[in-house]
Amino acid sequence: MKPMSVLGLLLIIGGVVALAIGRFSYTTEEKVVELGPLVATASEEHTVQIPDLAGIAAIVAGIALVVVARRRA
């Protein structure tokens, strides 16, 4: 399988996953207070929205790469 086809398939899969999930979250910890040996931390959850347009664009670009790779074969 050609590298362009593999990249195209990965873009298609990534686009479908982005459309299905829509967002992902991650947690960070930061120091709030540090008094000698005592340390107080706070956890904060961040959510990142994945735009639908990004998922659609990845799918379209993946399809284009697969088509171009097959035409060159």
Protein backbone atom coordinates (compact mmCIF):
# COMPACT_ATOMS: atom_id res chain seq x y z
CA MET A 1 0.00 0.00 0.00
CA LYS A 2 1.33 3.43 -0.92
CA PRO A 3 2.17 5.97 1.76
CA MET A 4 -0.41 8.42 0.34
CA SER A 5 -3.13 5.79 0.66
CA VAL A 6 -2.13 5.05 4.25
CA LEU A 7 -2.14 8.77 5.09
CA GLY A 8 -5.53 9.12 3.41
CA LEU A 9 -6.99 6.24 5.41
CA LEU A 10 -5.60 7.69 8.65
CA LEU A 11 -7.19 11.07 7.83
CA ILE A 12 -10.53 9.39 7.11
CA ILE A 13 -10.41 7.44 10.37
CA GLY A 14 -9.36 10.55 12.31
CA GLY A 15 -12.17 12.58 10.76
CA VAL A 16 -14.79 9.97 11.63
CA VAL A 17 -13.49 9.77 15.20
CA ALA A 18 -13.51 13.59 15.49
CA LEU A 19 -17.12 13.71 14.32
CA ALA A 20 -18.17 10.86 16.62
CA ILE A 21 -16.49 12.15 19.78
CA GLY A 22 -16.78 15.90 19.27
CA ARG A 23 -14.61 16.87 22.25
CA PHE A 24 -12.02 15.59 24.67
CA SER A 25 -11.02 16.54 28.21
CA TYR A 26 -7.79 16.57 30.13
CA THR A 27 -6.85 17.48 33.70
CA THR A 28 -3.99 19.67 34.90
CA GLU A 29 -2.68 20.16 38.42
CA GLU A 30 -1.16 23.40 39.61
CA LYS A 31 0.33 24.51 42.90
CA VAL A 32 -1.96 26.84 44.79
CA VAL A 33 0.00 27.31 48.01
CA GLU A 34 3.47 26.21 49.07
CA LEU A 35 4.33 26.74 52.73
CA GLY A 36 7.58 24.98 53.54
CA PRO A 37 7.02 21.24 53.23
CA LEU A 38 3.26 21.67 52.79
CA VAL A 39 2.00 21.98 49.22
CA ALA A 40 -1.61 22.49 48.18
CA THR A 41 -2.57 21.68 44.61
CA ALA A 42 -5.72 22.18 42.61
CA SER A 43 -6.92 20.02 39.73
CA GLU A 44 -8.56 21.77 36.82
CA GLU A 45 -10.36 19.99 34.00
CA HIS A 46 -10.08 21.47 30.51
CA THR A 47 -12.37 20.55 27.61
CA VAL A 48 -11.37 21.01 23.97
CA GLN A 49 -14.14 21.12 21.37
CA ILE A 50 -13.34 19.63 17.95
CA PRO A 51 -15.19 21.59 15.26
CA ASP A 52 -17.37 19.50 12.94
CA LEU A 53 -15.77 21.30 9.99
CA ALA A 54 -12.35 19.91 11.00
CA GLY A 55 -13.66 16.34 10.96
CA ILE A 56 -15.36 16.85 7.61
CA ALA A 57 -12.23 18.45 6.15
CA ALA A 58 -10.11 15.50 7.32
CA ILE A 59 -12.49 13.03 5.70
CA VAL A 60 -12.55 14.95 2.41
CA ALA A 61 -8.75 15.31 2.37
CA GLY A 62 -8.36 11.60 3.13
CA ILE A 63 -10.68 10.60 0.31
CA ALA A 64 -8.78 12.91 -2.06
CA LEU A 65 -5.45 11.33 -1.09
CA VAL A 66 -6.78 7.80 -1.58
CA VAL A 67 -8.21 8.71 -5.01
CA VAL A 68 -4.97 10.39 -6.13
CA ALA A 69 -2.89 7.44 -4.92
CA ARG A 70 -5.07 4.96 -6.85
CA ARG A 71 -4.92 7.02 -10.06
CA ARG A 72 -1.11 7.04 -9.93
CA ALA A 73 -1.00 3.25 -9.58
